[in-house]
Amino acid sequence: MGGQHLFMMVASFGMMVVSLILHEMGHAHAAVKLGDYGPKLEGRTGWSWENLKTHIDPRNTIIIPLFFMLMTGIPFGAANPVDYDASRFENPRRGRLLVTLAGPAVNAGLAVVGALAFAALGALGAPGLVVALAGSFVTINVMLAIFNMMPVFPLDGWTVLRSLVKSERLERADQWFKSAGPWAYLPFVAMIGVGMATGLFGFLIGGATSYLLGGALSLFGLQMMGGMVRERGVSKLG
């Protein structure tokens, strides 16, 4: 393993952890804004180290991302979920939806900022390693935004589905998931298996990342490179 490859893996792991923390902070700030100050009292909205580490779960934020990174080259994990009381919102159903969407929205916003940084660095002739780091940051946040919106327990997409669709079956399913222990994660594991086996995750994440980076490059006057990124995908760049 070359030194540059090792550096990229370590940097990608760090960017994943930061992105996971910011995702949960998005949930926490939205809950506080809508009337539940519990997340703030629990330190989920602050920027001190004592507050930031409340988002970190040793297994899901450290061990699992390291495992995925060693197996696939891409870190993937989760942070401690934010607890909030939707009954404290003026409109609990709407509030739950907005709090849930806040996490993926943060990752989508980070992906856009990262894409603009990627294009700006490319336009300025920054070293390839620096540009690659920006591209990796975009990929990580696109992955988190898309994956979390999958309508499968315990992802944000499941809560979004329950908030948008009034269904006794969904509510009964949610109650079962919350009481079934490890069995509740079978649909989630099946989704990962199907997504990886069919290449669906790669298609969605790679396609969205390519178009985002390509669009950003075009904004900076790098139309030819932007077109190449959109047509060939980030993995083919360079």
Protein backbone atom coordinates (compact mmCIF):
# COMPACT_ATOMS: atom_id res chain seq x y z
CA MET A 1 0.00 0.00 0.00
CA GLY A 2 1.53 3.31 -1.10
CA GLY A 3 1.86 6.28 1.19
CA GLN A 4 -0.55 8.38 -0.87
CA HIS A 5 -3.17 5.62 -0.87
CA LEU A 6 -2.84 5.22 2.90
CA PHE A 7 -3.17 8.98 3.36
CA MET A 8 -6.36 9.03 1.25
CA MET A 9 -7.85 6.20 3.31
CA VAL A 10 -7.08 7.93 6.62
CA ALA A 11 -8.36 11.27 5.31
CA SER A 12 -11.54 9.66 3.97
CA PHE A 13 -12.15 8.06 7.34
CA GLY A 14 -11.76 11.43 9.05
CA MET A 15 -14.09 13.13 6.58
CA MET A 16 -16.67 10.39 7.13
CA VAL A 17 -16.63 10.89 10.91
CA VAL A 18 -16.96 14.66 10.52
CA SER A 19 -19.82 14.26 8.04
CA LEU A 20 -21.63 11.85 10.36
CA ILE A 21 -21.33 14.29 13.27
CA LEU A 22 -22.63 17.18 11.18
CA HIS A 23 -25.52 14.98 10.00
CA GLU A 24 -26.63 14.39 13.59
CA MET A 25 -26.08 18.04 14.49
CA GLY A 26 -28.50 18.88 11.70
CA HIS A 27 -31.16 16.72 13.36
CA ALA A 28 -30.39 18.27 16.76
CA HIS A 29 -30.52 21.90 15.62
CA ALA A 30 -33.78 21.29 13.76
CA ALA A 31 -35.38 19.75 16.87
CA VAL A 32 -34.30 22.69 19.02
CA LYS A 33 -35.54 25.18 16.42
CA LEU A 34 -38.94 23.49 16.42
CA GLY A 35 -39.32 23.55 20.20
CA ASP A 36 -37.56 20.57 21.82
CA TYR A 37 -34.51 21.74 23.76
CA GLY A 38 -33.59 18.22 24.86
CA PRO A 39 -30.84 17.76 22.24
CA LYS A 40 -29.26 21.06 23.28
CA LEU A 41 -29.29 20.07 26.95
CA GLU A 42 -27.65 16.78 25.98
CA GLY A 43 -24.81 18.63 24.22
CA ARG A 44 -25.83 17.63 20.70
CA THR A 45 -25.71 21.16 19.25
CA GLY A 46 -22.41 22.53 20.63
CA TRP A 47 -18.96 22.68 19.02
CA SER A 48 -16.74 21.89 22.01
CA TRP A 49 -15.01 18.51 22.08
CA GLU A 50 -17.18 17.46 25.01
CA ASN A 51 -20.25 18.14 22.87
CA LEU A 52 -18.90 16.70 19.64
CA LYS A 53 -17.95 13.37 21.18
CA THR A 54 -21.58 12.81 22.25
CA HIS A 55 -22.22 12.02 18.57
CA ILE A 56 -19.57 9.31 18.42
CA ASP A 57 -20.48 5.66 18.94
CA PRO A 58 -17.38 3.42 19.17
CA ARG A 59 -18.91 0.63 17.09
CA ASN A 60 -20.93 2.52 14.48
CA THR A 61 -18.73 5.61 14.10
CA ILE A 62 -15.28 4.01 14.42
CA ILE A 63 -15.18 0.21 14.05
CA ILE A 64 -17.75 -0.26 11.26
CA PRO A 65 -16.36 2.56 9.06
CA LEU A 66 -12.85 1.12 9.48
CA PHE A 67 -14.15 -2.33 8.49
CA PHE A 68 -15.90 -0.98 5.39
CA MET A 69 -12.84 1.04 4.45
CA LEU A 70 -10.54 -1.98 4.67
CA MET A 71 -13.00 -4.19 2.75
CA THR A 72 -14.19 -1.76 0.08
CA GLY A 73 -11.91 1.26 0.28
CA ILE A 74 -14.88 3.45 1.28
CA PRO A 75 -15.71 4.17 4.94
CA PHE A 76 -19.36 3.92 5.92
CA GLY A 77 -21.02 4.09 9.32
CA ALA A 78 -23.34 6.01 11.61
CA ALA A 79 -23.22 8.31 14.61
CA ASN A 80 -25.27 8.27 17.81
CA PRO A 81 -28.86 9.10 16.83
CA VAL A 82 -30.37 12.26 18.29
CA ASP A 83 -33.25 11.70 20.70
CA TYR A 84 -36.07 14.24 20.55
CA ASP A 85 -39.69 14.53 21.68
CA ALA A 86 -41.96 15.34 18.73
CA SER A 87 -44.85 16.08 21.10
CA ARG A 88 -43.11 19.34 21.98
CA PHE A 89 -43.44 20.59 18.40
CA GLU A 90 -46.37 22.80 17.38
CA ASN A 91 -47.15 20.26 14.66
CA PRO A 92 -45.62 16.91 15.72
CA ARG A 93 -46.07 15.16 12.38
CA ARG A 94 -44.63 18.02 10.35
CA GLY A 95 -41.90 18.61 12.93
CA ARG A 96 -40.81 14.98 12.87
CA LEU A 97 -40.55 15.17 9.08
CA LEU A 98 -38.46 18.35 9.16
CA VAL A 99 -36.11 17.06 11.86
CA THR A 100 -35.60 13.85 9.92
CA LEU A 101 -34.89 15.64 6.64
CA ALA A 102 -32.39 17.97 8.32
CA GLY A 103 -29.69 15.29 8.55
CA PRO A 104 -29.59 14.30 4.86
CA ALA A 105 -30.04 17.98 3.93
CA VAL A 106 -26.81 18.79 5.78
CA ASN A 107 -24.98 16.10 3.81
CA ALA A 108 -26.46 17.36 0.54
CA GLY A 109 -25.31 20.87 1.40
CA LEU A 110 -21.83 19.64 2.29
CA ALA A 111 -21.68 17.78 -1.02
CA VAL A 112 -22.50 20.98 -2.93
CA VAL A 113 -19.87 22.95 -1.00
CA GLY A 114 -17.35 20.17 -1.59
CA ALA A 115 -18.13 20.15 -5.32
CA LEU A 116 -17.56 23.90 -5.56
CA ALA A 117 -14.27 23.49 -3.67
CA PHE A 118 -13.30 20.64 -6.03
CA ALA A 119 -13.93 22.84 -9.07
CA ALA A 120 -12.21 25.88 -7.57
CA LEU A 121 -9.14 23.84 -6.66
CA GLY A 122 -9.05 22.39 -10.17
CA ALA A 123 -9.34 25.85 -11.72
CA LEU A 124 -6.51 27.13 -9.54
CA GLY A 125 -4.26 24.21 -10.47
CA ALA A 126 -4.07 22.75 -6.97
CA PRO A 127 -2.13 19.49 -6.46
CA GLY A 128 -4.02 16.41 -7.60
CA LEU A 129 -4.07 14.94 -4.09
CA VAL A 130 -5.86 18.00 -2.72
CA VAL A 131 -8.42 17.93 -5.54
CA ALA A 132 -8.94 14.20 -4.95
CA LEU A 133 -9.63 14.87 -1.26
CA ALA A 134 -12.35 17.33 -2.21
CA GLY A 135 -13.83 14.77 -4.59
CA SER A 136 -13.79 12.13 -1.87
CA PHE A 137 -15.56 14.52 0.50
CA VAL A 138 -18.30 14.99 -2.10
CA THR A 139 -18.68 11.24 -2.63
CA ILE A 140 -18.96 10.59 1.11
CA ASN A 141 -21.69 13.17 1.61
CA VAL A 142 -23.62 12.16 -1.50
CA MET A 143 -23.51 8.59 -0.19
CA LEU A 144 -24.80 9.64 3.24
CA ALA A 145 -27.57 11.79 1.77
CA ILE A 146 -28.81 9.11 -0.63
CA PHE A 147 -28.38 6.11 1.65
CA ASN A 148 -30.13 7.75 4.60
CA MET A 149 -33.15 8.53 2.45
CA MET A 150 -33.77 4.85 1.70
CA PRO A 151 -37.20 3.99 3.23
CA VAL A 152 -35.89 1.16 5.39
CA PHE A 153 -35.70 0.99 9.20
CA PRO A 154 -33.70 2.50 10.94
CA LEU A 155 -32.72 5.03 8.25
CA ASP A 156 -34.12 8.55 7.99
CA GLY A 157 -36.06 7.52 4.90
CA TRP A 158 -38.19 5.20 7.03
CA THR A 159 -39.22 8.07 9.31
CA VAL A 160 -39.88 10.26 6.28
CA LEU A 161 -42.16 7.55 4.87
CA ARG A 162 -44.05 7.27 8.16
CA SER A 163 -44.43 11.06 8.34
CA LEU A 164 -45.78 11.37 4.81
CA VAL A 165 -48.01 8.30 4.69
CA LYS A 166 -50.69 7.69 7.29
CA SER A 167 -50.93 3.93 7.58
CA GLU A 168 -51.74 1.61 10.46
CA ARG A 169 -49.57 -1.04 8.81
CA LEU A 170 -46.57 1.28 8.82
CA GLU A 171 -47.15 2.15 12.47
CA ARG A 172 -47.45 -1.52 13.42
CA ALA A 173 -44.30 -2.28 11.43
CA ASP A 174 -42.48 0.54 13.23
CA GLN A 175 -43.54 -0.79 16.62
CA TRP A 176 -42.33 -4.27 15.61
CA PHE A 177 -38.96 -2.92 14.43
CA LYS A 178 -38.45 -1.09 17.72
CA SER A 179 -39.18 -4.22 19.76
CA ALA A 180 -37.63 -6.94 17.59
CA GLY A 181 -34.00 -6.42 18.60
CA PRO A 182 -31.43 -7.60 16.03
CA TRP A 183 -34.16 -9.09 13.82
CA ALA A 184 -35.35 -5.58 13.02
CA TYR A 185 -32.22 -5.01 10.95
CA LEU A 186 -32.84 -7.90 8.53
CA PRO A 187 -34.51 -5.67 5.87
CA PHE A 188 -31.65 -3.19 6.26
CA VAL A 189 -29.01 -5.89 5.78
CA ALA A 190 -30.96 -7.30 2.81
CA MET A 191 -31.09 -3.85 1.24
CA ILE A 192 -27.32 -3.47 1.55
CA GLY A 193 -26.78 -6.91 0.01
CA VAL A 194 -29.11 -6.25 -2.92
CA GLY A 195 -27.72 -2.77 -3.46
CA MET A 196 -24.15 -3.99 -3.60
CA ALA A 197 -24.88 -7.13 -5.62
CA THR A 198 -26.86 -5.26 -8.29
CA GLY A 199 -24.62 -2.23 -8.38
CA LEU A 200 -27.59 0.00 -7.54
CA PHE A 201 -25.72 1.92 -4.84
CA GLY A 202 -22.78 2.52 -7.14
CA PHE A 203 -25.11 3.70 -9.90
CA LEU A 204 -26.99 6.15 -7.66
CA ILE A 205 -24.04 7.48 -5.69
CA GLY A 206 -21.57 7.52 -8.58
CA GLY A 207 -24.07 9.11 -10.95
CA ALA A 208 -25.10 11.85 -8.51
CA THR A 209 -21.49 12.59 -7.58
CA SER A 210 -20.40 12.75 -11.22
CA TYR A 211 -23.14 15.17 -12.23
CA LEU A 212 -22.53 17.33 -9.16
CA LEU A 213 -18.80 17.57 -9.79
CA GLY A 214 -19.32 18.00 -13.52
CA GLY A 215 -21.79 20.81 -12.95
CA ALA A 216 -19.44 22.56 -10.54
CA LEU A 217 -16.54 22.31 -13.00
CA SER A 218 -18.72 23.83 -15.71
CA LEU A 219 -19.54 26.76 -13.43
CA PHE A 220 -15.83 27.49 -13.17
CA GLY A 221 -15.41 27.47 -16.93
CA LEU A 222 -13.99 23.95 -17.11
CA GLN A 223 -16.73 22.72 -19.45
CA MET A 224 -14.64 20.04 -21.15
CA MET A 225 -13.55 18.47 -17.86
CA GLY A 226 -17.07 18.82 -16.47
CA GLY A 227 -18.48 16.95 -19.44
CA MET A 228 -15.92 14.19 -19.02
CA VAL A 229 -16.83 13.78 -15.36
CA ARG A 230 -20.57 13.58 -16.11
CA GLU A 231 -20.11 11.12 -18.97
CA ARG A 232 -17.43 8.86 -17.56
CA GLY A 233 -17.93 9.09 -13.81
CA VAL A 234 -15.64 10.21 -11.00
CA SER A 235 -13.82 6.88 -10.91
CA LYS A 236 -12.58 7.49 -14.46
CA LEU A 237 -11.31 11.02 -13.79
CA GLY A 238 -7.57 11.29 -14.35
